[in-house]
Each structure stands twice: as C-alpha cells, then as structure tokens.
PDB file of N, CA and C in Angstrom:
ATOM      1  N   MET A   1       0.846  -1.162   0.000  1.00  0.00           N
ATOM      2  CA  MET A   1       0.000   0.000   0.000  1.00  0.00           C
ATOM      3  C   MET A   1       0.896   1.231   0.000  1.00  0.00           C
ATOM      4  N   ARG A   2       0.648   2.087  -0.901  1.00  0.00           N
ATOM      5  CA  ARG A   2       1.462   3.296  -1.027  1.00  0.00           C
ATOM      6  C   ARG A   2       0.686   4.520  -0.550  1.00  0.00           C
ATOM      7  N   GLN A   3       1.366   5.335   0.227  1.00  0.00           N
ATOM      8  CA  GLN A   3       0.800   6.608   0.657  1.00  0.00           C
ATOM      9  C   GLN A   3       1.739   7.700   0.148  1.00  0.00           C
ATOM     10  N   TYR A   4       1.166   8.703  -0.458  1.00  0.00           N
ATOM     11  CA  TYR A   4       1.940   9.778  -1.064  1.00  0.00           C
ATOM     12  C   TYR A   4       1.821  11.047  -0.240  1.00  0.00           C
ATOM     13  N   THR A   5       2.935  11.767  -0.127  1.00  0.00           N
ATOM     14  CA  THR A   5       2.871  13.089   0.492  1.00  0.00           C
ATOM     15  C   THR A   5       2.340  14.095  -0.519  1.00  0.00           C
ATOM     16  N   ASP A   6       2.608  13.822  -1.810  1.00  0.00           N
ATOM     17  CA  ASP A   6       2.075  14.642  -2.897  1.00  0.00           C
ATOM     18  C   ASP A   6       1.798  13.712  -4.077  1.00  0.00           C
ATOM     19  N   ARG A   7       0.564  13.266  -4.202  1.00  0.00           N
ATOM     20  CA  ARG A   7       0.194  12.299  -5.247  1.00  0.00           C
ATOM     21  C   ARG A   7       0.432  12.853  -6.640  1.00  0.00           C
ATOM     22  N   GLU A   8       0.109  14.123  -6.865  1.00  0.00           N
ATOM     23  CA  GLU A   8       0.274  14.724  -8.191  1.00  0.00           C
ATOM     24  C   GLU A   8       1.726  14.707  -8.644  1.00  0.00           C
ATOM     25  N   LYS A   9       2.647  14.907  -7.723  1.00  0.00           N
ATOM     26  CA  LYS A   9       4.078  14.901  -8.053  1.00  0.00           C
ATOM     27  C   LYS A   9       4.692  13.518  -7.888  1.00  0.00           C
ATOM     28  N   GLY A  10       3.904  12.552  -7.361  1.00  0.00           N
ATOM     29  CA  GLY A  10       4.391  11.187  -7.191  1.00  0.00           C
ATOM     30  C   GLY A  10       5.404  11.026  -6.074  1.00  0.00           C
ATOM     31  N   ILE A  11       5.333  11.877  -5.048  1.00  0.00           N
ATOM     32  CA  ILE A  11       6.290  11.819  -3.938  1.00  0.00           C
ATOM     33  C   ILE A  11       5.776  10.849  -2.876  1.00  0.00           C
ATOM     34  N   LEU A  12       6.506   9.738  -2.714  1.00  0.00           N
ATOM     35  CA  LEU A  12       6.118   8.712  -1.756  1.00  0.00           C
ATOM     36  C   LEU A  12       6.395   9.147  -0.337  1.00  0.00           C
ATOM     37  N   GLY A  13       5.440   8.874   0.543  1.00  0.00           N
ATOM     38  CA  GLY A  13       5.617   9.152   1.959  1.00  0.00           C
ATOM     39  C   GLY A  13       5.797   7.876   2.751  1.00  0.00           C
ATOM     40  N   LYS A  14       5.157   6.777   2.247  1.00  0.00           N
ATOM     41  CA  LYS A  14       5.187   5.528   2.991  1.00  0.00           C
ATOM     42  C   LYS A  14       4.785   4.371   2.077  1.00  0.00           C
ATOM     43  N   ILE A  15       5.439   3.219   2.257  1.00  0.00           N
ATOM     44  CA  ILE A  15       5.012   1.965   1.618  1.00  0.00           C
ATOM     45  C   ILE A  15       4.857   0.941   2.723  1.00  0.00           C
ATOM     46  N   VAL A  16       3.701   0.291   2.752  1.00  0.00           N
ATOM     47  CA  VAL A  16       3.411  -0.736   3.751  1.00  0.00           C
ATOM     48  C   VAL A  16       3.114  -2.034   3.008  1.00  0.00           C
ATOM     49  N   CYS A  17       3.722  -3.135   3.458  1.00  0.00           N
ATOM     50  CA  CYS A  17       3.455  -4.444   2.866  1.00  0.00           C
ATOM     51  C   CYS A  17       1.987  -4.798   3.098  1.00  0.00           C
ATOM     52  N   ASN A  18       1.274  -5.093   2.012  1.00  0.00           N
ATOM     53  CA  ASN A  18      -0.140  -5.441   2.123  1.00  0.00           C
ATOM     54  C   ASN A  18      -0.370  -6.760   2.860  1.00  0.00           C
ATOM     55  N   GLN A  19       0.634  -7.636   2.899  1.00  0.00           N
ATOM     56  CA  GLN A  19       0.460  -8.937   3.552  1.00  0.00           C
ATOM     57  C   GLN A  19       0.713  -8.862   5.056  1.00  0.00           C
ATOM     58  N   CYS A  20       1.889  -8.378   5.464  1.00  0.00           N
ATOM     59  CA  CYS A  20       2.250  -8.416   6.891  1.00  0.00           C
ATOM     60  C   CYS A  20       2.080  -7.076   7.602  1.00  0.00           C
ATOM     61  N   GLY A  21       1.928  -5.984   6.838  1.00  0.00           N
ATOM     62  CA  GLY A  21       1.720  -4.678   7.440  1.00  0.00           C
ATOM     63  C   GLY A  21       2.988  -3.943   7.837  1.00  0.00           C
ATOM     64  N   ARG A  22       4.159  -4.517   7.506  1.00  0.00           N
ATOM     65  CA  ARG A  22       5.420  -3.861   7.859  1.00  0.00           C
ATOM     66  C   ARG A  22       5.680  -2.677   6.943  1.00  0.00           C
ATOM     67  N   GLU A  23       6.135  -1.579   7.539  1.00  0.00           N
ATOM     68  CA  GLU A  23       6.479  -0.399   6.762  1.00  0.00           C
ATOM     69  C   GLU A  23       7.874  -0.595   6.167  1.00  0.00           C
ATOM     70  N   LEU A  24       7.983  -0.401   4.863  1.00  0.00           N
ATOM     71  CA  LEU A  24       9.263  -0.560   4.184  1.00  0.00           C
ATOM     72  C   LEU A  24      10.080   0.715   4.302  1.00  0.00           C
ATOM     73  N   GLN A  25      11.397   0.544   4.237  1.00  0.00           N
ATOM     74  CA  GLN A  25      12.299   1.690   4.396  1.00  0.00           C
ATOM     75  C   GLN A  25      12.285   2.577   3.166  1.00  0.00           C
ATOM     76  N   LEU A  26      12.081   3.867   3.402  1.00  0.00           N
ATOM     77  CA  LEU A  26      12.163   4.888   2.362  1.00  0.00           C
ATOM     78  C   LEU A  26      13.195   5.918   2.780  1.00  0.00           C
ATOM     79  N   GLU A  27      13.897   6.446   1.797  1.00  0.00           N
ATOM     80  CA  GLU A  27      14.810   7.555   2.047  1.00  0.00           C
ATOM     81  C   GLU A  27      14.631   8.552   0.907  1.00  0.00           C
ATOM     82  N   ASN A  28      14.208   9.745   1.245  1.00  0.00           N
ATOM     83  CA  ASN A  28      13.927  10.787   0.249  1.00  0.00           C
ATOM     84  C   ASN A  28      12.967  10.290  -0.834  1.00  0.00           C
ATOM     85  N   GLY A  29      11.966   9.512  -0.434  1.00  0.00           N
ATOM     86  CA  GLY A  29      10.967   9.027  -1.371  1.00  0.00           C
ATOM     87  C   GLY A  29      11.379   7.828  -2.206  1.00  0.00           C
ATOM     88  N   LEU A  30      12.579   7.278  -1.934  1.00  0.00           N
ATOM     89  CA  LEU A  30      13.068   6.111  -2.677  1.00  0.00           C
ATOM     90  C   LEU A  30      13.090   4.889  -1.777  1.00  0.00           C
ATOM     91  N   VAL A  31      12.605   3.764  -2.286  1.00  0.00           N
ATOM     92  CA  VAL A  31      12.571   2.515  -1.519  1.00  0.00           C
ATOM     93  C   VAL A  31      13.994   2.001  -1.324  1.00  0.00           C
ATOM     94  N   GLN A  32      14.323   1.622  -0.090  1.00  0.00           N
ATOM     95  CA  GLN A  32      15.677   1.198   0.245  1.00  0.00           C
ATOM     96  C   GLN A  32      15.783  -0.311   0.477  1.00  0.00           C
ATOM     97  N   GLU A  33      14.803  -1.075   0.018  1.00  0.00           N
ATOM     98  CA  GLU A  33      14.823  -2.531   0.156  1.00  0.00           C
ATOM     99  C   GLU A  33      13.963  -3.138  -0.934  1.00  0.00           C
ATOM    100  N   GLY A  34      14.018  -4.471  -1.045  1.00  0.00           N
ATOM    101  CA  GLY A  34      13.258  -5.150  -2.081  1.00  0.00           C
ATOM    102  C   GLY A  34      11.763  -5.047  -1.845  1.00  0.00           C
ATOM    103  N   VAL A  35      11.025  -4.786  -2.913  1.00  0.00           N
ATOM    104  CA  VAL A  35       9.561  -4.712  -2.834  1.00  0.00           C
ATOM    105  C   VAL A  35       8.992  -5.262  -4.131  1.00  0.00           C
ATOM    106  N   TYR A  36       7.956  -6.098  -3.998  1.00  0.00           N
ATOM    107  CA  TYR A  36       7.247  -6.607  -5.164  1.00  0.00           C
ATOM    108  C   TYR A  36       6.004  -5.753  -5.338  1.00  0.00           C
ATOM    109  N   VAL A  37       5.808  -5.243  -6.543  1.00  0.00           N
ATOM    110  CA  VAL A  37       4.642  -4.419  -6.845  1.00  0.00           C
ATOM    111  C   VAL A  37       3.704  -5.225  -7.730  1.00  0.00           C
ATOM    112  N   GLY A  38       2.543  -5.558  -7.199  1.00  0.00           N
ATOM    113  CA  GLY A  38       1.518  -6.245  -7.978  1.00  0.00           C
ATOM    114  C   GLY A  38       0.576  -5.211  -8.558  1.00  0.00           C
ATOM    115  N   ASP A  39       0.292  -5.329  -9.847  1.00  0.00           N
ATOM    116  CA  ASP A  39      -0.585  -4.366 -10.512  1.00  0.00           C
ATOM    117  C   ASP A  39      -1.264  -5.087 -11.670  1.00  0.00           C
ATOM    118  N   VAL A  40      -2.567  -5.278 -11.548  1.00  0.00           N
ATOM    119  CA  VAL A  40      -3.300  -5.985 -12.603  1.00  0.00           C
ATOM    120  C   VAL A  40      -4.596  -5.250 -12.917  1.00  0.00           C
ATOM    121  N   GLN A  41      -4.860  -5.119 -14.203  1.00  0.00           N
ATOM    122  CA  GLN A  41      -6.128  -4.560 -14.642  1.00  0.00           C
ATOM    123  C   GLN A  41      -6.940  -5.731 -15.188  1.00  0.00           C
ATOM    124  N   TRP A  42      -8.018  -6.067 -14.486  1.00  0.00           N
ATOM    125  CA  TRP A  42      -8.832  -7.219 -14.848  1.00  0.00           C
ATOM    126  C   TRP A  42      -9.679  -6.905 -16.066  1.00  0.00           C
ATOM    127  N   GLY A  43      -9.796  -7.902 -16.937  1.00  0.00           N
ATOM    128  CA  GLY A  43     -10.540  -7.715 -18.175  1.00  0.00           C
ATOM    129  C   GLY A  43     -11.801  -8.546 -18.228  1.00  0.00           C
ATOM    130  N   TYR A  44     -12.312  -8.662 -19.425  1.00  0.00           N
ATOM    131  CA  TYR A  44     -13.523  -9.431 -19.658  1.00  0.00           C
ATOM    132  C   TYR A  44     -13.367 -10.863 -19.160  1.00  0.00           C
ATOM    133  N   PHE A  45     -14.474 -11.440 -18.761  1.00  0.00           N
ATOM    134  CA  PHE A  45     -14.580 -12.836 -18.356  1.00  0.00           C
ATOM    135  C   PHE A  45     -13.935 -13.141 -17.007  1.00  0.00           C
ATOM    136  N   SER A  46     -13.442 -12.144 -16.294  1.00  0.00           N
ATOM    137  CA  SER A  46     -12.928 -12.365 -14.945  1.00  0.00           C
ATOM    138  C   SER A  46     -13.997 -11.969 -13.933  1.00  0.00           C
ATOM    139  N   ARG A  47     -13.805 -12.390 -12.700  1.00  0.00           N
ATOM    140  CA  ARG A  47     -14.746 -12.000 -11.642  1.00  0.00           C
ATOM    141  C   ARG A  47     -14.535 -10.540 -11.228  1.00  0.00           C
ATOM    142  N   HIS A  48     -13.470  -9.921 -11.711  1.00  0.00           N
ATOM    143  CA  HIS A  48     -13.138  -8.543 -11.332  1.00  0.00           C
ATOM    144  C   HIS A  48     -13.155  -7.615 -12.556  1.00  0.00           C
ATOM    145  N   ASP A  49     -13.972  -7.951 -13.533  1.00  0.00           N
ATOM    146  CA  ASP A  49     -14.046  -7.192 -14.778  1.00  0.00           C
ATOM    147  C   ASP A  49     -14.161  -5.691 -14.502  1.00  0.00           C
ATOM    148  N   GLY A  50     -13.264  -4.928 -15.101  1.00  0.00           N
ATOM    149  CA  GLY A  50     -13.292  -3.473 -14.969  1.00  0.00           C
ATOM    150  C   GLY A  50     -12.592  -2.938 -13.731  1.00  0.00           C
ATOM    151  N   GLU A  51     -11.979  -3.817 -12.922  1.00  0.00           N
ATOM    152  CA  GLU A  51     -11.267  -3.372 -11.711  1.00  0.00           C
ATOM    153  C   GLU A  51      -9.764  -3.407 -11.937  1.00  0.00           C
ATOM    154  N   ARG A  52      -9.063  -2.567 -11.202  1.00  0.00           N
ATOM    155  CA  ARG A  52      -7.601  -2.586 -11.183  1.00  0.00           C
ATOM    156  C   ARG A  52      -7.173  -2.826  -9.744  1.00  0.00           C
ATOM    157  N   HIS A  53      -6.310  -3.801  -9.527  1.00  0.00           N
ATOM    158  CA  HIS A  53      -5.810  -4.127  -8.193  1.00  0.00           C
ATOM    159  C   HIS A  53      -4.320  -3.832  -8.136  1.00  0.00           C
ATOM    160  N   ARG A  54      -3.898  -3.167  -7.062  1.00  0.00           N
ATOM    161  CA  ARG A  54      -2.482  -2.856  -6.839  1.00  0.00           C
ATOM    162  C   ARG A  54      -2.130  -3.211  -5.410  1.00  0.00           C
ATOM    163  N   PHE A  55      -0.924  -3.762  -5.220  1.00  0.00           N
ATOM    164  CA  PHE A  55      -0.455  -4.063  -3.877  1.00  0.00           C
ATOM    165  C   PHE A  55       1.067  -4.149  -3.861  1.00  0.00           C
ATOM    166  N   ASP A  56       1.618  -4.029  -2.655  1.00  0.00           N
ATOM    167  CA  ASP A  56       3.063  -4.125  -2.450  1.00  0.00           C
ATOM    168  C   ASP A  56       3.343  -5.233  -1.451  1.00  0.00           C
ATOM    169  N   LEU A  57       4.386  -6.013  -1.698  1.00  0.00           N
ATOM    170  CA  LEU A  57       4.823  -7.049  -0.771  1.00  0.00           C
ATOM    171  C   LEU A  57       6.290  -6.838  -0.433  1.00  0.00           C
ATOM    172  N   CYS A  58       6.616  -6.970   0.863  1.00  0.00           N
ATOM    173  CA  CYS A  58       8.023  -6.945   1.248  1.00  0.00           C
ATOM    174  C   CYS A  58       8.669  -8.227   0.710  1.00  0.00           C
ATOM    175  N   GLU A  59       9.981  -8.282   0.716  1.00  0.00           N
ATOM    176  CA  GLU A  59      10.688  -9.423   0.148  1.00  0.00           C
ATOM    177  C   GLU A  59      10.365 -10.729   0.879  1.00  0.00           C
ATOM    178  N   GLU A  60      10.198 -10.671   2.188  1.00  0.00           N
ATOM    179  CA  GLU A  60       9.881 -11.876   2.961  1.00  0.00           C
ATOM    180  C   GLU A  60       8.517 -12.438   2.566  1.00  0.00           C
ATOM    181  N   CYS A  61       7.524 -11.574   2.431  1.00  0.00           N
ATOM    182  CA  CYS A  61       6.184 -12.029   2.047  1.00  0.00           C
ATOM    183  C   CYS A  61       6.162 -12.525   0.601  1.00  0.00           C
ATOM    184  N   TYR A  62       6.941 -11.896  -0.264  1.00  0.00           N
ATOM    185  CA  TYR A  62       7.058 -12.361  -1.648  1.00  0.00           C
ATOM    186  C   TYR A  62       7.641 -13.770  -1.673  1.00  0.00           C
ATOM    187  N   GLU A  63       8.720 -13.995  -0.896  1.00  0.00           N
ATOM    188  CA  GLU A  63       9.348 -15.322  -0.838  1.00  0.00           C
ATOM    189  C   GLU A  63       8.364 -16.368  -0.326  1.00  0.00           C
ATOM    190  N   ARG A  64       7.593 -16.019   0.685  1.00  0.00           N
ATOM    191  CA  ARG A  64       6.599 -16.935   1.242  1.00  0.00           C
ATOM    192  C   ARG A  64       5.532 -17.277   0.188  1.00  0.00           C
ATOM    193  N   LEU A  65       5.103 -16.267  -0.565  1.00  0.00           N
ATOM    194  CA  LEU A  65       4.101 -16.476  -1.603  1.00  0.00           C
ATOM    195  C   LEU A  65       4.610 -17.420  -2.690  1.00  0.00           C
ATOM    196  N   ILE A  66       5.783 -17.125  -3.247  1.00  0.00           N
ATOM    197  CA  ILE A  66       6.260 -17.942  -4.367  1.00  0.00           C
ATOM    198  C   ILE A  66       6.677 -19.340  -3.931  1.00  0.00           C
ATOM    199  N   SER A  67       6.990 -19.524  -2.657  1.00  0.00           N
ATOM    200  CA  SER A  67       7.357 -20.865  -2.193  1.00  0.00           C
ATOM    201  C   SER A  67       6.147 -21.800  -2.207  1.00  0.00           C
ATOM    202  N   SER A  68       4.930 -21.246  -2.288  1.00  0.00           N
ATOM    203  CA  SER A  68       3.721 -22.063  -2.320  1.00  0.00           C
ATOM    204  C   SER A  68       3.320 -22.447  -3.749  1.00  0.00           C
ATOM    205  N   PHE A  69       4.003 -21.930  -4.760  1.00  0.00           N
ATOM    206  CA  PHE A  69       3.665 -22.220  -6.152  1.00  0.00           C
ATOM    207  C   PHE A  69       3.999 -23.670  -6.501  1.00  0.00           C
ATOM    208  N   ARG A  70       3.132 -24.326  -7.235  1.00  0.00           N
ATOM    209  CA  ARG A  70       3.439 -25.674  -7.734  1.00  0.00           C
ATOM    210  C   ARG A  70       4.485 -25.606  -8.834  1.00  0.00           C
ATOM    211  N   ILE A  71       4.409 -24.588  -9.655  1.00  0.00           N
ATOM    212  CA  ILE A  71       5.388 -24.373 -10.722  1.00  0.00           C
ATOM    213  C   ILE A  71       6.211 -23.164 -10.310  1.00  0.00           C
ATOM    214  N   PRO A  72       7.534 -23.344 -10.149  1.00  0.00           N
ATOM    215  CA  PRO A  72       8.370 -22.233  -9.675  1.00  0.00           C
ATOM    216  C   PRO A  72       8.360 -21.039 -10.635  1.00  0.00           C
ATOM    217  N   VAL A  73       8.638 -19.873 -10.085  1.00  0.00           N
ATOM    218  CA  VAL A  73       8.744 -18.675 -10.917  1.00  0.00           C
ATOM    219  C   VAL A  73       9.937 -18.836 -11.861  1.00  0.00           C
ATOM    220  N   GLU A  74       9.858 -18.197 -12.996  1.00  0.00           N
ATOM    221  CA  GLU A  74      10.988 -18.198 -13.926  1.00  0.00           C
ATOM    222  C   GLU A  74      11.979 -17.154 -13.453  1.00  0.00           C
ATOM    223  N   LYS A  75      13.245 -17.529 -13.403  1.00  0.00           N
ATOM    224  CA  LYS A  75      14.289 -16.610 -12.957  1.00  0.00           C
ATOM    225  C   LYS A  75      15.338 -16.474 -14.044  1.00  0.00           C
ATOM    226  N   GLU A  76      15.854 -15.272 -14.190  1.00  0.00           N
ATOM    227  CA  GLU A  76      16.998 -15.051 -15.052  1.00  0.00           C
ATOM    228  C   GLU A  76      17.807 -13.907 -14.488  1.00  0.00           C
ATOM    229  N   ASP A  77      19.100 -13.956 -14.706  1.00  0.00           N
ATOM    230  CA  ASP A  77      19.981 -12.918 -14.177  1.00  0.00           C
ATOM    231  C   ASP A  77      19.870 -11.649 -15.007  1.00  0.00           C
ATOM    232  N   GLU A  78      19.901 -10.541 -14.335  1.00  0.00           N
ATOM    233  CA  GLU A  78      19.879  -9.218 -14.962  1.00  0.00           C
ATOM    234  C   GLU A  78      21.234  -8.568 -14.756  1.00  0.00           C
ATOM    235  N   THR A  79      21.774  -7.957 -15.796  1.00  0.00           N
ATOM    236  CA  THR A  79      23.064  -7.289 -15.654  1.00  0.00           C
ATOM    237  C   THR A  79      22.900  -5.823 -15.306  1.00  0.00           C
ATOM    238  N   GLU A  80      21.750  -5.241 -15.643  1.00  0.00           N
ATOM    239  CA  GLU A  80      21.489  -3.841 -15.325  1.00  0.00           C
ATOM    240  C   GLU A  80      20.408  -3.779 -14.271  1.00  0.00           C
ATOM    241  N   LEU A  81      20.737  -3.246 -13.118  1.00  0.00           N
ATOM    242  CA  LEU A  81      19.779  -3.156 -12.021  1.00  0.00           C
ATOM    243  C   LEU A  81      19.186  -1.767 -11.951  1.00  0.00           C
ATOM    244  N   LEU A  82      17.938  -1.702 -11.558  1.00  0.00           N
ATOM    245  CA  LEU A  82      17.245  -0.408 -11.433  1.00  0.00           C
ATOM    246  C   LEU A  82      17.624   0.264 -10.148  1.00  0.00           C
TER     247      LEU A  82
END
C-alpha cells in the first residue's frame, strides 16, 4: 500500500506491505529494500471485470508467496539493475 505526500508529483511518503503490514524503508521518497509491486487490470470474463488491483509485498512475504507455487517462478539474471 502506497501513501503519497504529494500524489500529483508522485512523492512517496510511505510503503506498507499489504500482507504483513510492515512499513518498508524509504529515504527521500526512494525505496531502500526489495519490494514486489503487484498491478493488474482485470478484463472481460474475470470475476473482477473493470477493476484494477495494486499491492506491495516486502521481500519476505514475496518469498513466502512464491514458495507455495506448484510451478516455480521463472528466474533469469539481470546485468542492469534499477
């Protein structure tokens, strides 16, 4: 869950993990740790047609989530980090 000090300018004030409720570290509006951002716009034939869902997960909650998958996530190394 993201809270903005100035939404129009996109200045982040706080990020809270939607799963565990822990506040993630921010410094000058920049996230200082791993965060998974879920963002899906549901389309036709779904139970959420016309809705957009967004959420943030801390790295621990993300690891817990993907460890429950029957088919593991696809991983590949990146040489350029954001």
